[in-house]
Protein backbone atom coordinates (compact mmCIF):
# COMPACT_ATOMS: atom_id res chain seq x y z
CA LEU A 1 4.56 -8.58 -16.04
CA ALA A 2 8.47 -8.69 -16.37
CA GLN A 3 8.46 -9.81 -19.72
CA THR A 4 5.75 -7.23 -20.58
CA GLY A 5 8.18 -4.50 -19.55
CA TYR A 6 6.89 -3.73 -15.96
CA VAL A 7 8.60 -4.45 -12.57
CA GLY A 8 6.46 -6.61 -10.44
CA VAL A 9 6.54 -7.11 -6.85
CA ALA A 10 4.64 -10.02 -5.16
CA VAL A 11 3.22 -9.03 -1.54
CA GLU A 12 2.72 -11.55 1.20
CA LEU A 13 0.22 -10.28 3.93
CA TYR A 14 0.09 -13.33 6.04
CA LYS A 15 2.80 -13.76 8.45
CA GLU A 16 4.05 -17.36 9.00
CA THR A 17 2.82 -18.80 12.30
CA PRO A 18 3.19 -22.34 13.89
CA GLU A 19 -0.71 -22.54 13.15
CA TYR A 20 -0.07 -21.42 9.64
CA THR A 21 3.05 -22.54 7.92
CA TYR A 22 3.90 -21.65 4.67
CA ALA A 23 3.83 -25.66 3.83
CA ASP A 24 0.22 -25.38 4.81
CA ARG A 25 -0.91 -22.90 2.18
CA ASN A 26 -2.44 -23.76 -1.12
CA PRO A 27 -3.01 -27.71 -0.45
CA GLY A 28 -2.71 -29.48 -3.85
CA ARG A 29 -5.51 -31.85 -4.97
CA SER A 30 -4.09 -34.84 -3.21
CA ALA A 31 -4.45 -33.16 0.17
CA SER A 32 -6.43 -34.63 2.89
CA ALA A 33 -9.48 -33.10 4.16
CA GLU A 34 -7.82 -32.22 7.29
CA GLU A 35 -5.11 -30.52 5.50
CA VAL A 36 -7.46 -28.49 3.09
CA LYS A 37 -9.65 -27.46 6.40
CA ARG A 38 -6.41 -26.46 8.15
CA HIS A 39 -5.50 -24.14 5.26
CA ARG A 40 -9.35 -22.99 4.65
CA SER A 41 -9.47 -22.02 8.56
CA ALA A 42 -6.24 -20.40 8.92
CA GLY A 43 -6.26 -18.70 5.71
CA PHE A 44 -9.68 -16.89 6.19
CA GLY A 45 -8.64 -16.07 9.53
CA MET A 46 -5.47 -14.22 8.49
CA MET A 47 -7.25 -12.56 5.95
CA ASN A 48 -10.15 -11.41 8.56
CA GLY A 49 -7.41 -10.30 10.62
CA VAL A 50 -5.97 -7.88 8.25
CA LYS A 51 -9.20 -6.50 7.12
CA ARG A 52 -10.44 -6.15 10.74
CA ASN A 53 -8.53 -2.85 10.71
CA LEU A 54 -8.85 -0.55 7.76
CA ILE A 55 -6.29 1.69 9.00
CA ALA A 56 -3.94 -0.74 9.41
CA PHE A 57 -4.74 -2.32 6.44
CA ARG A 58 -4.32 0.66 4.23
CA GLY A 59 -1.12 1.33 6.11
CA LEU A 60 0.14 -2.31 5.42
CA MET A 61 -0.36 -1.30 1.75
CA GLU A 62 1.34 1.93 1.83
CA ALA A 63 4.40 0.39 3.64
CA THR A 64 4.37 -2.21 0.80
CA LEU A 65 4.26 0.32 -2.06
CA SER A 66 6.90 2.46 -0.35
CA ALA A 67 9.36 -0.57 -0.02
CA ALA A 68 8.87 -1.68 -3.48
CA ARG A 69 9.76 2.33 -4.54
CA GLN A 70 13.13 1.38 -2.86
CA HIS A 71 14.30 -1.00 -5.59
CA SER A 72 16.67 0.21 -8.07
CA ALA A 73 14.49 -0.99 -11.08
CA SER A 74 11.27 0.63 -9.89
CA HIS A 75 10.04 3.90 -10.78
CA PRO A 76 9.80 6.56 -8.11
CA GLN A 77 6.32 8.33 -8.76
CA LEU A 78 4.38 5.89 -11.16
CA ALA A 79 3.01 2.54 -9.93
CA GLY A 80 0.01 0.08 -10.37
CA GLY A 81 -1.52 -2.76 -8.48
CA ILE A 82 -3.24 -6.02 -9.53
CA GLY A 83 -5.02 -8.41 -7.18
CA TYR A 84 -6.73 -11.60 -7.41
CA CYS A 85 -9.50 -12.64 -4.92
CA PHE A 86 -8.69 -10.92 -1.55
CA GLY A 87 -5.68 -8.95 -3.54
CA GLY A 88 -8.89 -7.22 -5.55
CA VAL A 89 -9.75 -6.05 -2.20
CA CYS A 90 -6.29 -4.81 -1.47
CA VAL A 91 -5.97 -2.58 -4.43
CA LEU A 92 -9.83 -1.16 -4.03
CA GLU A 93 -8.44 -0.35 -0.47
CA CYS A 94 -5.42 1.59 -2.27
CA VAL A 95 -7.58 3.55 -4.13
CA ARG A 96 -10.00 4.24 -1.17
CA GLY A 97 -6.82 5.04 0.97
CA ARG A 98 -5.39 7.62 -1.60
CA LEU A 99 -2.36 5.73 -2.18
CA ASP A 100 -0.07 7.32 -4.92
CA MET A 101 -0.91 4.75 -7.78
CA GLN A 102 -2.11 5.33 -11.03
CA ALA A 103 -3.72 2.31 -12.07
CA VAL A 104 -5.38 -0.86 -10.25
CA VAL A 105 -6.98 -4.05 -11.25
CA SER A 106 -9.05 -6.61 -9.71
CA PHE A 107 -9.59 -10.15 -10.83
CA HIS A 108 -12.35 -11.83 -9.27
CA GLY A 109 -12.42 -9.76 -6.37
CA VAL A 110 -15.03 -8.70 -3.87
CA LEU A 111 -16.01 -5.11 -4.02
CA GLN A 112 -16.75 -4.15 -0.52
CA THR A 113 -14.38 -4.72 2.73
CA GLY A 114 -15.87 -7.23 4.99
CA LEU A 115 -15.14 -10.14 7.14
CA ASN A 116 -15.79 -13.68 6.14
CA ASN A 117 -17.80 -16.00 8.43
CA ILE A 118 -16.85 -19.20 6.57
CA ASP A 119 -18.22 -21.71 9.34
CA GLN A 120 -21.83 -19.37 9.94
CA ASP A 121 -20.84 -18.80 13.52
CA PRO A 122 -24.05 -17.10 14.97
CA ASN A 123 -21.42 -15.38 17.50
CA PHE A 124 -18.94 -14.54 14.67
CA ASP A 125 -17.92 -10.68 15.39
CA ASP A 126 -18.05 -8.88 12.19
CA ARG A 127 -17.01 -5.67 13.32
CA ILE A 128 -14.50 -3.78 11.34
CA GLN A 129 -12.58 -0.70 12.60
CA GLU A 130 -13.39 1.73 9.92
CA ALA A 131 -10.70 4.30 8.57
CA PRO A 132 -11.59 8.18 8.61
CA LYS A 133 -13.56 9.13 5.49
CA GLY A 134 -11.60 11.10 3.13
CA PRO A 135 -10.82 11.83 -0.66
CA TYR A 136 -9.99 8.55 -2.80
CA ALA A 137 -7.20 8.51 -5.25
CA THR A 138 -8.92 10.44 -8.11
CA TRP A 139 -5.99 10.12 -10.39
CA CYS A 140 -6.00 6.21 -10.13
CA ARG A 141 -7.82 4.45 -12.92
CA VAL A 142 -9.62 1.37 -11.63
CA LEU A 143 -10.63 -2.01 -13.70
CA ILE A 144 -12.60 -4.59 -12.40
CA GLU A 145 -12.50 -8.17 -14.06
CA ASN A 146 -15.31 -9.76 -12.46
CA GLY A 147 -17.11 -13.24 -13.34
CA ASN A 148 -20.85 -12.71 -13.77
CA ALA A 149 -21.73 -16.00 -11.92
CA ASP A 150 -19.44 -15.31 -9.15
CA VAL A 151 -21.67 -15.68 -5.74
CA LEU A 152 -19.31 -13.53 -4.07
CA VAL A 153 -20.49 -10.51 -5.94
CA PRO A 154 -24.08 -10.03 -6.32
CA GLN A 155 -25.85 -7.34 -8.37
CA GLU A 156 -26.24 -5.63 -5.49
CA SER A 157 -22.78 -5.27 -4.81
CA ALA A 158 -21.82 -4.46 -8.41
CA ILE A 159 -24.05 -1.58 -8.30
CA ALA A 160 -22.93 -0.20 -4.84
CA PHE A 161 -19.34 -0.23 -5.98
CA LYS A 162 -20.19 1.60 -9.14
CA LYS A 163 -22.22 4.32 -7.45
CA GLU A 164 -19.13 4.38 -4.65
CA MET A 165 -16.70 5.00 -7.61
CA ASP A 166 -18.90 7.59 -9.16
CA ASP A 167 -19.61 9.42 -5.82
CA ASN A 168 -15.91 9.85 -5.27
CA GLY A 169 -14.75 10.94 -8.87
CA ILE A 170 -13.12 7.69 -9.82
CA ASP A 171 -12.56 6.49 -13.62
CA TRP A 172 -13.32 3.01 -13.57
CA GLN A 173 -14.24 -0.06 -15.92
CA PHE A 174 -16.28 -3.09 -15.16
CA HIS A 175 -15.88 -5.93 -17.10
CA ASP A 176 -18.43 -9.00 -16.70
CA HIS A 177 -17.56 -12.31 -17.94
CA ALA A 178 -20.54 -14.49 -19.04
CA LYS A 179 -21.48 -17.42 -16.92
CA THR A 180 -17.90 -17.19 -15.30
CA PRO A 181 -17.47 -18.16 -11.42
CA HIS A 182 -15.18 -17.11 -8.90
CA GLY A 183 -11.56 -18.04 -9.27
CA PHE A 184 -11.76 -17.85 -13.14
CA ALA A 185 -8.02 -16.82 -13.24
CA LEU A 186 -6.58 -19.30 -11.14
CA PRO A 187 -5.18 -21.89 -13.17
CA PRO A 188 -5.75 -25.45 -12.82
CA GLY A 189 -4.25 -26.91 -9.79
CA VAL A 190 -4.31 -24.09 -7.40
CA PHE A 191 -6.61 -24.11 -4.55
CA SER A 192 -10.11 -22.90 -5.22
CA ALA A 193 -9.30 -22.62 -8.88
CA ALA A 194 -12.33 -22.39 -10.99
CA TYR A 195 -10.51 -21.47 -14.39
CA ASN A 196 -11.88 -20.18 -17.22
CA GLN A 197 -9.38 -19.86 -20.13
CA ALA A 198 -11.58 -17.42 -22.16
CA ALA A 199 -12.16 -15.52 -19.23
CA ASP A 200 -8.43 -15.38 -18.07
CA ARG A 201 -6.86 -14.59 -21.48
CA ARG A 202 -9.69 -11.66 -22.02
CA SER A 203 -9.01 -10.23 -18.47
CA THR A 204 -5.36 -10.25 -19.04
CA LEU A 205 -5.47 -8.72 -22.35
CA SER A 206 -7.77 -5.73 -20.80
CA MET A 207 -5.22 -5.27 -18.08
CA LEU A 208 -2.52 -4.92 -20.45
CA GLN A 209 -4.41 -2.26 -22.46
CA HIS A 210 -5.26 -0.65 -19.17
CA PHE A 211 -1.56 -0.39 -18.12
CA LYS A 212 -0.65 1.05 -21.99
CA GLU A 213 -3.18 3.96 -21.63
CA THR A 214 -1.99 4.69 -18.42
CA TRP A 215 1.54 4.89 -18.94
CA PRO A 216 1.68 5.41 -22.89
CA ASP A 217 5.43 6.79 -22.51
CA PHE A 218 6.83 3.26 -21.60
CA PRO A 219 6.76 0.46 -23.91
CA GLN A 220 5.16 -2.68 -23.51
CA TYR A 221 6.44 -5.65 -24.99
CA THR A 222 4.25 -8.51 -26.16
CA VAL A 223 3.91 -11.96 -24.49
CA ALA A 224 2.58 -15.32 -25.88
CA ARG A 225 1.24 -16.39 -22.37
CA ASN A 226 0.14 -14.76 -19.11
CA ALA A 227 1.09 -16.36 -15.50
CA ALA A 228 -1.17 -19.12 -15.55
CA GLY A 229 0.03 -20.23 -19.15
CA THR A 230 -2.88 -18.92 -20.83
CA LEU A 231 -2.15 -18.46 -24.67
CA LEU A 232 -2.93 -14.71 -25.00
CA TYR A 233 -3.08 -14.67 -28.77
CA PRO A 234 -4.54 -18.39 -29.98
CA PRO A 235 -4.50 -18.55 -33.61
CA ARG A 236 -8.44 -19.02 -33.31
CA ALA A 237 -9.78 -17.84 -30.11
CA ARG A 238 -12.32 -20.19 -28.78
CA LEU A 239 -15.19 -19.30 -26.20
């Protein structure tokens, strides 16, 4: 993002605790089964903790945006957001919470905010404290980059999302990538990656076009690769 001309701010939503240290996160392929289990259990627990209270969740997003705007390199009014997986949920909650952002992009993100019962616990408490219903950020353009084979986004979820956006006056685009699973934009070596080079390249280029249309007065510079190392303009694109 910096090389294309934008100021990027990385957001950490999970506090470090003795039960889930930074060293526990993103275990490599050589990690033991116990290390993977620890990361999976604690990571989903942290994520559920954030999503359980939508008022606090959106407040956290708003506080992050406010803090980012304090940086001398950032613009006082213009802002966008991108998110991968749970990050996609985060940027959609920014739209639902009417945050002052003009464009958001979700990469293989879930479209509705719900809790994850990863252990199929019959006693799992899936209740969420809802936020008051109110107008959405109707000025914000929404771009969804979705894997068509993502089991976390069934067809009924996509249909419900599009209706929700239409009902609330949102300008949206929804790109489905053929035969592409969840995690397609995560590079090899990242936990839970299902890297798909073509989908990663196309979704990155879609994001850049989305931003160029949203902020036409700001120059966008060409870069050879994205953050995952994917070549954006190969001599001959291969499927």
